[in-house]
C-alpha cells in the first residue's frame, strides 16, 4: 500500500509560482509512474501532468504545457510539480497519484492506483 502526501499549495497572485511536492511511502517509489490531477469546485477531476518511473518521460495537459514542469527524485521518494505563470483558472485542489503502469505516462485517472488527499492552490486575479 502506497501512501501519498502532498504539500506546497497556497494562495498566489496571477503570474506567480508555486512548487508542489508529493512524498510517497509504503512502497518502492521507483516502480510507480506518478501523476498530478486537479479538481476545481463543481468540475470534474482533470489530468495535469505525469512522469514515468525514471523521470525520462513526461506528458502534460495542453492547458499547462510550457508553464508547469513535473519531476521526480527517486532517492527522496518525491514527485514535484513546478507551476509558473499561474492563472486564476489554475485554482483547484491538486492531487498526486501513483500508477503501476510505471513505463508509460497515463492521463486517465482510472489508470492510477493510489491517491493523496490533495493540496489547495488558489490564484488571485
C-alpha atoms as a PDB file:
ATOM      1  CA  UNK A   1       0.000   0.000   0.000  1.00  0.00           C
ATOM      2  CA  UNK A   2       1.411   3.361  -1.059  1.00  0.00           C
ATOM      3  CA  UNK A   3       0.678   6.497   0.932  1.00  0.00           C
ATOM      4  CA  UNK A   4       0.965   9.877  -0.762  1.00  0.00           C
ATOM      5  CA  UNK A   5       1.104  13.243   0.984  1.00  0.00           C
ATOM      6  CA  UNK A   6       1.010  16.494  -0.969  1.00  0.00           C
ATOM      7  CA  UNK A   7       2.336  19.834   0.222  1.00  0.00           C
ATOM      8  CA  UNK A   8       3.211  23.247  -1.155  1.00  0.00           C
ATOM      9  CA  UNK A   9      -0.195  24.623  -2.026  1.00  0.00           C
ATOM     10  CA  UNK A  10      -1.298  28.106  -1.096  1.00  0.00           C
ATOM     11  CA  UNK A  11      -2.506  31.486  -2.270  1.00  0.00           C
ATOM     12  CA  UNK A  12      -0.569  33.224  -5.027  1.00  0.00           C
ATOM     13  CA  UNK A  13      -1.195  36.154  -7.352  1.00  0.00           C
ATOM     14  CA  UNK A  14      -1.658  35.825 -11.098  1.00  0.00           C
ATOM     15  CA  UNK A  15       1.708  35.284 -12.728  1.00  0.00           C
ATOM     16  CA  UNK A  16       3.242  33.820  -9.607  1.00  0.00           C
ATOM     17  CA  UNK A  17       4.792  30.427  -8.980  1.00  0.00           C
ATOM     18  CA  UNK A  18       4.366  27.507  -6.622  1.00  0.00           C
ATOM     19  CA  UNK A  19       6.078  24.157  -6.276  1.00  0.00           C
ATOM     20  CA  UNK A  20       4.002  21.237  -5.119  1.00  0.00           C
ATOM     21  CA  UNK A  21       5.603  18.188  -3.568  1.00  0.00           C
ATOM     22  CA  UNK A  22       4.227  14.701  -3.077  1.00  0.00           C
ATOM     23  CA  UNK A  23       6.024  12.391  -0.673  1.00  0.00           C
ATOM     24  CA  UNK A  24       5.451   8.668  -1.056  1.00  0.00           C
ATOM     25  CA  UNK A  25       5.833   5.891   1.482  1.00  0.00           C
ATOM     26  CA  UNK A  26       4.889   2.266   1.889  1.00  0.00           C
ATOM     27  CA  UNK A  27       6.107   1.055  -1.476  1.00  0.00           C
ATOM     28  CA  UNK A  28       9.033   1.054  -3.865  1.00  0.00           C
ATOM     29  CA  UNK A  29       8.660   4.517  -5.320  1.00  0.00           C
ATOM     30  CA  UNK A  30      10.754   3.893  -8.404  1.00  0.00           C
ATOM     31  CA  UNK A  31       8.386   1.149  -9.573  1.00  0.00           C
ATOM     32  CA  UNK A  32       5.488   3.565  -9.978  1.00  0.00           C
ATOM     33  CA  UNK A  33       4.599   6.144 -12.542  1.00  0.00           C
ATOM     34  CA  UNK A  34       3.358   9.363 -10.972  1.00  0.00           C
ATOM     35  CA  UNK A  35       0.775  11.910 -11.979  1.00  0.00           C
ATOM     36  CA  UNK A  36      -0.808  15.152 -10.889  1.00  0.00           C
ATOM     37  CA  UNK A  37      -4.507  15.868 -11.267  1.00  0.00           C
ATOM     38  CA  UNK A  38      -6.638  18.811 -10.207  1.00  0.00           C
ATOM     39  CA  UNK A  39     -10.258  19.438  -9.404  1.00  0.00           C
ATOM     40  CA  UNK A  40     -11.993  22.786  -9.155  1.00  0.00           C
ATOM     41  CA  UNK A  41     -15.324  23.228  -7.345  1.00  0.00           C
ATOM     42  CA  UNK A  42     -18.193  21.960  -9.478  1.00  0.00           C
ATOM     43  CA  UNK A  43     -15.873  20.468 -12.071  1.00  0.00           C
ATOM     44  CA  UNK A  44     -14.576  17.006 -12.816  1.00  0.00           C
ATOM     45  CA  UNK A  45     -11.076  15.953 -11.869  1.00  0.00           C
ATOM     46  CA  UNK A  46      -8.695  16.630 -14.740  1.00  0.00           C
ATOM     47  CA  UNK A  47      -5.253  15.437 -15.693  1.00  0.00           C
ATOM     48  CA  UNK A  48      -2.364  17.874 -15.267  1.00  0.00           C
ATOM     49  CA  UNK A  49       0.935  16.039 -15.756  1.00  0.00           C
ATOM     50  CA  UNK A  50       2.559  12.631 -15.481  1.00  0.00           C
ATOM     51  CA  UNK A  51       6.068  11.186 -15.300  1.00  0.00           C
ATOM     52  CA  UNK A  52       7.293   7.631 -15.783  1.00  0.00           C
ATOM     53  CA  UNK A  53       9.371   5.679 -13.268  1.00  0.00           C
ATOM     54  CA  UNK A  54      12.721   7.138 -14.291  1.00  0.00           C
ATOM     55  CA  UNK A  55      11.671  10.692 -14.983  1.00  0.00           C
ATOM     56  CA  UNK A  56      12.689  10.302 -18.595  1.00  0.00           C
ATOM     57  CA  UNK A  57       9.164  10.510 -20.000  1.00  0.00           C
ATOM     58  CA  UNK A  58       6.634  13.198 -19.182  1.00  0.00           C
ATOM     59  CA  UNK A  59       3.339  14.449 -20.557  1.00  0.00           C
ATOM     60  CA  UNK A  60       1.187  17.486 -19.843  1.00  0.00           C
ATOM     61  CA  UNK A  61      -2.313  18.754 -20.351  1.00  0.00           C
ATOM     62  CA  UNK A  62      -2.450  21.382 -23.080  1.00  0.00           C
ATOM     63  CA  UNK A  63      -3.689  23.932 -20.563  1.00  0.00           C
ATOM     64  CA  UNK A  64      -0.451  23.777 -18.534  1.00  0.00           C
ATOM     65  CA  UNK A  65       2.117  22.928 -21.197  1.00  0.00           C
ATOM     66  CA  UNK A  66       5.012  25.360 -21.101  1.00  0.00           C
ATOM     67  CA  UNK A  67       4.066  26.618 -17.631  1.00  0.00           C
ATOM     68  CA  UNK A  68       4.186  23.525 -15.415  1.00  0.00           C
ATOM     69  CA  UNK A  69       7.012  21.013 -15.006  1.00  0.00           C
ATOM     70  CA  UNK A  70       6.737  17.609 -13.386  1.00  0.00           C
ATOM     71  CA  UNK A  71       9.829  15.910 -11.988  1.00  0.00           C
ATOM     72  CA  UNK A  72      10.729  13.226  -9.519  1.00  0.00           C
ATOM     73  CA  UNK A  73      13.547  12.330  -7.152  1.00  0.00           C
ATOM     74  CA  UNK A  74      13.553   8.586  -6.568  1.00  0.00           C
ATOM     75  CA  UNK A  75      16.165   8.912  -3.829  1.00  0.00           C
ATOM     76  CA  UNK A  76      13.746  11.105  -1.882  1.00  0.00           C
ATOM     77  CA  UNK A  77      10.558   9.233  -2.871  1.00  0.00           C
ATOM     78  CA  UNK A  78       9.097  12.524  -4.019  1.00  0.00           C
ATOM     79  CA  UNK A  79       7.438  13.910  -7.112  1.00  0.00           C
ATOM     80  CA  UNK A  80       7.215  17.632  -7.785  1.00  0.00           C
ATOM     81  CA  UNK A  81       5.064  19.967  -9.816  1.00  0.00           C
ATOM     82  CA  UNK A  82       6.660  23.314 -10.553  1.00  0.00           C
ATOM     83  CA  UNK A  83       3.935  25.755 -11.544  1.00  0.00           C
ATOM     84  CA  UNK A  84       4.880  29.063 -13.173  1.00  0.00           C
ATOM     85  CA  UNK A  85       2.852  31.860 -14.735  1.00  0.00           C
ATOM     86  CA  UNK A  86      -0.160  30.841 -12.699  1.00  0.00           C
ATOM     87  CA  UNK A  87      -3.612  31.924 -13.791  1.00  0.00           C
ATOM     88  CA  UNK A  88      -6.900  32.168 -11.872  1.00  0.00           C
ATOM     89  CA  UNK A  89      -8.171  29.176 -13.853  1.00  0.00           C
ATOM     90  CA  UNK A  90      -5.418  27.077 -12.248  1.00  0.00           C
ATOM     91  CA  UNK A  91      -7.253  27.401  -8.936  1.00  0.00           C
ATOM     92  CA  UNK A  92      -8.121  23.887  -7.752  1.00  0.00           C
ATOM     93  CA  UNK A  93      -7.310  21.107  -5.378  1.00  0.00           C
ATOM     94  CA  UNK A  94      -4.205  19.343  -6.678  1.00  0.00           C
ATOM     95  CA  UNK A  95      -3.788  15.621  -6.173  1.00  0.00           C
ATOM     96  CA  UNK A  96      -0.846  13.357  -6.814  1.00  0.00           C
ATOM     97  CA  UNK A  97      -1.377   9.762  -7.794  1.00  0.00           C
ATOM     98  CA  UNK A  98       0.701   6.637  -8.345  1.00  0.00           C
ATOM     99  CA  UNK A  99       0.223   4.088 -11.079  1.00  0.00           C
ATOM    100  CA  UNK A 100       1.636   0.595 -11.526  1.00  0.00           C
ATOM    101  CA  UNK A 101       1.981   1.468 -15.209  1.00  0.00           C
ATOM    102  CA  UNK A 102       5.491   2.652 -14.466  1.00  0.00           C
ATOM    103  CA  UNK A 103       6.878   2.693 -18.009  1.00  0.00           C
ATOM    104  CA  UNK A 104       4.263   4.936 -19.593  1.00  0.00           C
ATOM    105  CA  UNK A 105       2.535   8.162 -18.651  1.00  0.00           C
ATOM    106  CA  UNK A 106      -1.201   7.543 -18.448  1.00  0.00           C
ATOM    107  CA  UNK A 107      -3.512  10.534 -18.472  1.00  0.00           C
ATOM    108  CA  UNK A 108      -6.711   8.814 -17.312  1.00  0.00           C
ATOM    109  CA  UNK A 109      -7.477   8.871 -13.602  1.00  0.00           C
ATOM    110  CA  UNK A 110      -8.729   5.272 -13.737  1.00  0.00           C
ATOM    111  CA  UNK A 111      -5.161   4.162 -14.548  1.00  0.00           C
ATOM    112  CA  UNK A 112      -3.918   5.302 -11.138  1.00  0.00           C
ATOM    113  CA  UNK A 113      -3.939   3.063  -8.116  1.00  0.00           C
ATOM    114  CA  UNK A 114      -3.144   5.340  -5.181  1.00  0.00           C
ATOM    115  CA  UNK A 115      -4.113   8.917  -4.425  1.00  0.00           C
ATOM    116  CA  UNK A 116      -3.121  11.611  -1.990  1.00  0.00           C
ATOM    117  CA  UNK A 117      -5.502  13.822  -0.044  1.00  0.00           C
ATOM    118  CA  UNK A 118      -4.733  16.905  -2.084  1.00  0.00           C
ATOM    119  CA  UNK A 119      -3.410  20.401  -1.561  1.00  0.00           C
ATOM    120  CA  UNK A 120      -5.272  23.598  -2.434  1.00  0.00           C
ATOM    121  CA  UNK A 121      -3.915  26.098  -4.917  1.00  0.00           C
ATOM    122  CA  UNK A 122      -5.650  29.448  -5.188  1.00  0.00           C
ATOM    123  CA  UNK A 123      -4.599  32.030  -7.758  1.00  0.00           C
ATOM    124  CA  UNK A 124      -5.945  35.519  -7.207  1.00  0.00           C
ATOM    125  CA  UNK A 125      -6.579  37.919 -10.081  1.00  0.00           C
END
